[in-house]
Amino acid sequence: MGKPSKRPTCPRWLTGEARKKWRELVPELTAMGLIQPLDAGALARYCDVWSRWRRAREHIDRHGVGYTKRALSTGETTHHVRPEVGLAFTLAGELATLESSLGLTPRSRAGLPTRPSAAPSRPKARFFDGRG
């Protein structure tokens, strides 16, 4: 992707955990040359879906995957799967699709022209690691 890209602007409607995820991803994706301002909508959708998935997962972690319900009239108990389980599963599928399109998985980045995400952590590394 040629020259360094500009960072996309976070939409105002993105709040809370979704905005936090945006702030985590944008610097890294920009440094790697994987995102442009034009990609703001797709990244915003990813961050929104990610935050909803996290909330569903946290609910499952707190309350478990199922619950038991007793019928008042008969006293019979039935076991049910929490709706958040299906929601988390559906959102995970949406995340996988968005991750692939945004280059957020190793496989989706394979073969893409990217820039290194950061300078070497050791100052002298640029002289000794063969990248000169």
Protein backbone atom coordinates (compact mmCIF):
# COMPACT_ATOMS: atom_id res chain seq x y z
CA MET A 1 0.00 0.00 0.00
CA GLY A 2 2.54 2.70 -0.93
CA LYS A 3 2.90 5.74 1.32
CA PRO A 4 1.74 5.94 4.95
CA SER A 5 -2.00 6.23 5.34
CA LYS A 6 -3.95 8.75 7.35
CA ARG A 7 -5.94 7.52 10.31
CA PRO A 8 -9.69 7.15 9.97
CA THR A 9 -11.80 9.30 12.29
CA CYS A 10 -13.82 7.53 14.96
CA PRO A 11 -17.56 8.10 14.47
CA ARG A 12 -19.28 10.02 17.29
CA TRP A 13 -21.90 7.30 17.76
CA LEU A 14 -19.23 4.75 18.71
CA THR A 15 -19.08 4.75 22.51
CA GLY A 16 -17.86 2.76 25.49
CA GLU A 17 -16.05 -0.50 24.80
CA ALA A 18 -16.52 -0.07 21.05
CA ARG A 19 -14.66 3.25 21.11
CA LYS A 20 -11.97 1.71 23.31
CA LYS A 21 -11.52 -1.10 20.75
CA TRP A 22 -11.29 1.53 17.97
CA ARG A 23 -8.50 3.33 19.83
CA GLU A 24 -6.68 0.03 20.30
CA LEU A 25 -6.86 -1.02 16.64
CA VAL A 26 -6.45 2.16 14.61
CA PRO A 27 -2.82 2.94 15.52
CA GLU A 28 -1.72 -0.62 14.79
CA LEU A 29 -3.68 -0.98 11.54
CA THR A 30 -2.51 2.44 10.37
CA ALA A 31 1.13 1.65 11.16
CA MET A 32 0.83 -1.59 9.18
CA GLY A 33 -0.74 0.24 6.25
CA LEU A 34 -3.91 -1.85 6.45
CA ILE A 35 -6.46 0.89 6.98
CA GLN A 36 -7.44 4.15 5.33
CA PRO A 37 -10.02 6.80 6.25
CA LEU A 38 -12.36 5.16 3.74
CA ASP A 39 -12.41 2.06 5.99
CA ALA A 40 -13.93 3.90 8.97
CA GLY A 41 -17.40 2.41 8.47
CA ALA A 42 -16.21 -1.20 8.34
CA LEU A 43 -13.96 -0.70 11.35
CA ALA A 44 -16.75 1.02 13.29
CA ARG A 45 -19.05 -1.95 12.56
CA TYR A 46 -16.33 -4.32 13.75
CA CYS A 47 -15.86 -2.37 17.00
CA ASP A 48 -19.63 -2.20 17.58
CA VAL A 49 -20.10 -5.93 16.97
CA TRP A 50 -17.05 -6.70 19.13
CA SER A 51 -18.45 -4.74 22.07
CA ARG A 52 -21.85 -6.48 21.78
CA TRP A 53 -20.10 -9.87 21.60
CA ARG A 54 -18.07 -9.03 24.73
CA ARG A 55 -21.24 -8.05 26.63
CA ALA A 56 -22.92 -11.32 25.65
CA ARG A 57 -19.82 -13.30 26.69
CA GLU A 58 -19.62 -11.48 30.03
CA HIS A 59 -23.29 -12.29 30.68
CA ILE A 60 -22.62 -15.97 29.90
CA ASP A 61 -19.55 -15.95 32.13
CA ARG A 62 -21.57 -14.49 35.02
CA HIS A 63 -24.77 -16.53 34.63
CA GLY A 64 -23.76 -19.69 32.76
CA VAL A 65 -24.98 -21.03 29.45
CA GLY A 66 -28.33 -22.25 30.70
CA TYR A 67 -31.01 -21.96 33.34
CA THR A 68 -33.77 -24.08 34.81
CA LYS A 69 -37.39 -23.00 34.82
CA ARG A 70 -40.15 -24.55 36.95
CA ALA A 71 -43.74 -24.45 35.71
CA LEU A 72 -46.03 -23.06 38.40
CA SER A 73 -48.98 -25.21 37.37
CA THR A 74 -47.23 -28.59 37.18
CA GLY A 75 -43.98 -28.11 39.07
CA GLU A 76 -42.16 -29.59 36.08
CA THR A 77 -38.66 -28.24 35.49
CA THR A 78 -37.24 -27.56 32.06
CA HIS A 79 -33.72 -26.59 31.08
CA HIS A 80 -33.08 -23.75 28.67
CA VAL A 81 -30.09 -22.24 26.92
CA ARG A 82 -29.68 -18.52 27.57
CA PRO A 83 -30.42 -16.31 24.55
CA GLU A 84 -26.99 -14.71 24.97
CA VAL A 85 -25.39 -18.01 23.89
CA GLY A 86 -27.00 -17.83 20.45
CA LEU A 87 -26.29 -14.11 20.26
CA ALA A 88 -22.60 -14.61 21.10
CA PHE A 89 -22.38 -17.34 18.47
CA THR A 90 -23.99 -15.16 15.79
CA LEU A 91 -21.84 -12.14 16.68
CA ALA A 92 -18.69 -14.29 16.61
CA GLY A 93 -19.51 -15.22 13.02
CA GLU A 94 -19.97 -11.56 12.11
CA LEU A 95 -16.66 -10.76 13.81
CA ALA A 96 -14.87 -13.47 11.84
CA THR A 97 -16.13 -12.00 8.57
CA LEU A 98 -15.17 -8.46 9.55
CA GLU A 99 -11.78 -9.57 10.90
CA SER A 100 -11.00 -11.21 7.60
CA SER A 101 -12.00 -8.16 5.57
CA LEU A 102 -10.00 -5.77 7.79
CA GLY A 103 -6.82 -7.85 7.93
CA LEU A 104 -7.22 -8.67 11.63
CA THR A 105 -6.14 -12.31 11.33
CA PRO A 106 -2.76 -13.74 10.32
CA ARG A 107 -4.35 -15.56 7.40
CA SER A 108 -6.09 -12.45 6.08
CA ARG A 109 -2.79 -10.53 6.23
CA ALA A 110 -0.83 -13.24 4.41
CA GLY A 111 0.32 -11.87 1.08
CA LEU A 112 -0.80 -8.31 1.81
CA PRO A 113 1.83 -5.61 1.46
CA THR A 114 2.16 -4.30 5.01
CA ARG A 115 4.64 -2.13 6.85
CA PRO A 116 6.24 -3.22 10.13
CA SER A 117 4.01 -2.10 13.01
CA ALA A 118 6.78 -0.65 15.15
CA ALA A 119 10.47 0.17 15.23
CA PRO A 120 12.76 -2.46 16.78
CA SER A 121 12.60 -2.35 20.58
CA ARG A 122 16.38 -2.48 20.82
CA PRO A 123 18.06 0.66 19.38
CA LYS A 124 20.97 -1.27 17.84
CA ALA A 125 18.71 -3.94 16.33
CA ARG A 126 18.47 -2.08 13.03
CA PHE A 127 22.21 -2.63 12.56
CA PHE A 128 22.29 -6.30 13.52
CA ASP A 129 19.03 -7.94 12.49
CA GLY A 130 19.65 -7.89 8.75
CA ARG A 131 17.07 -5.21 7.95
CA GLY A 132 19.72 -2.48 7.94
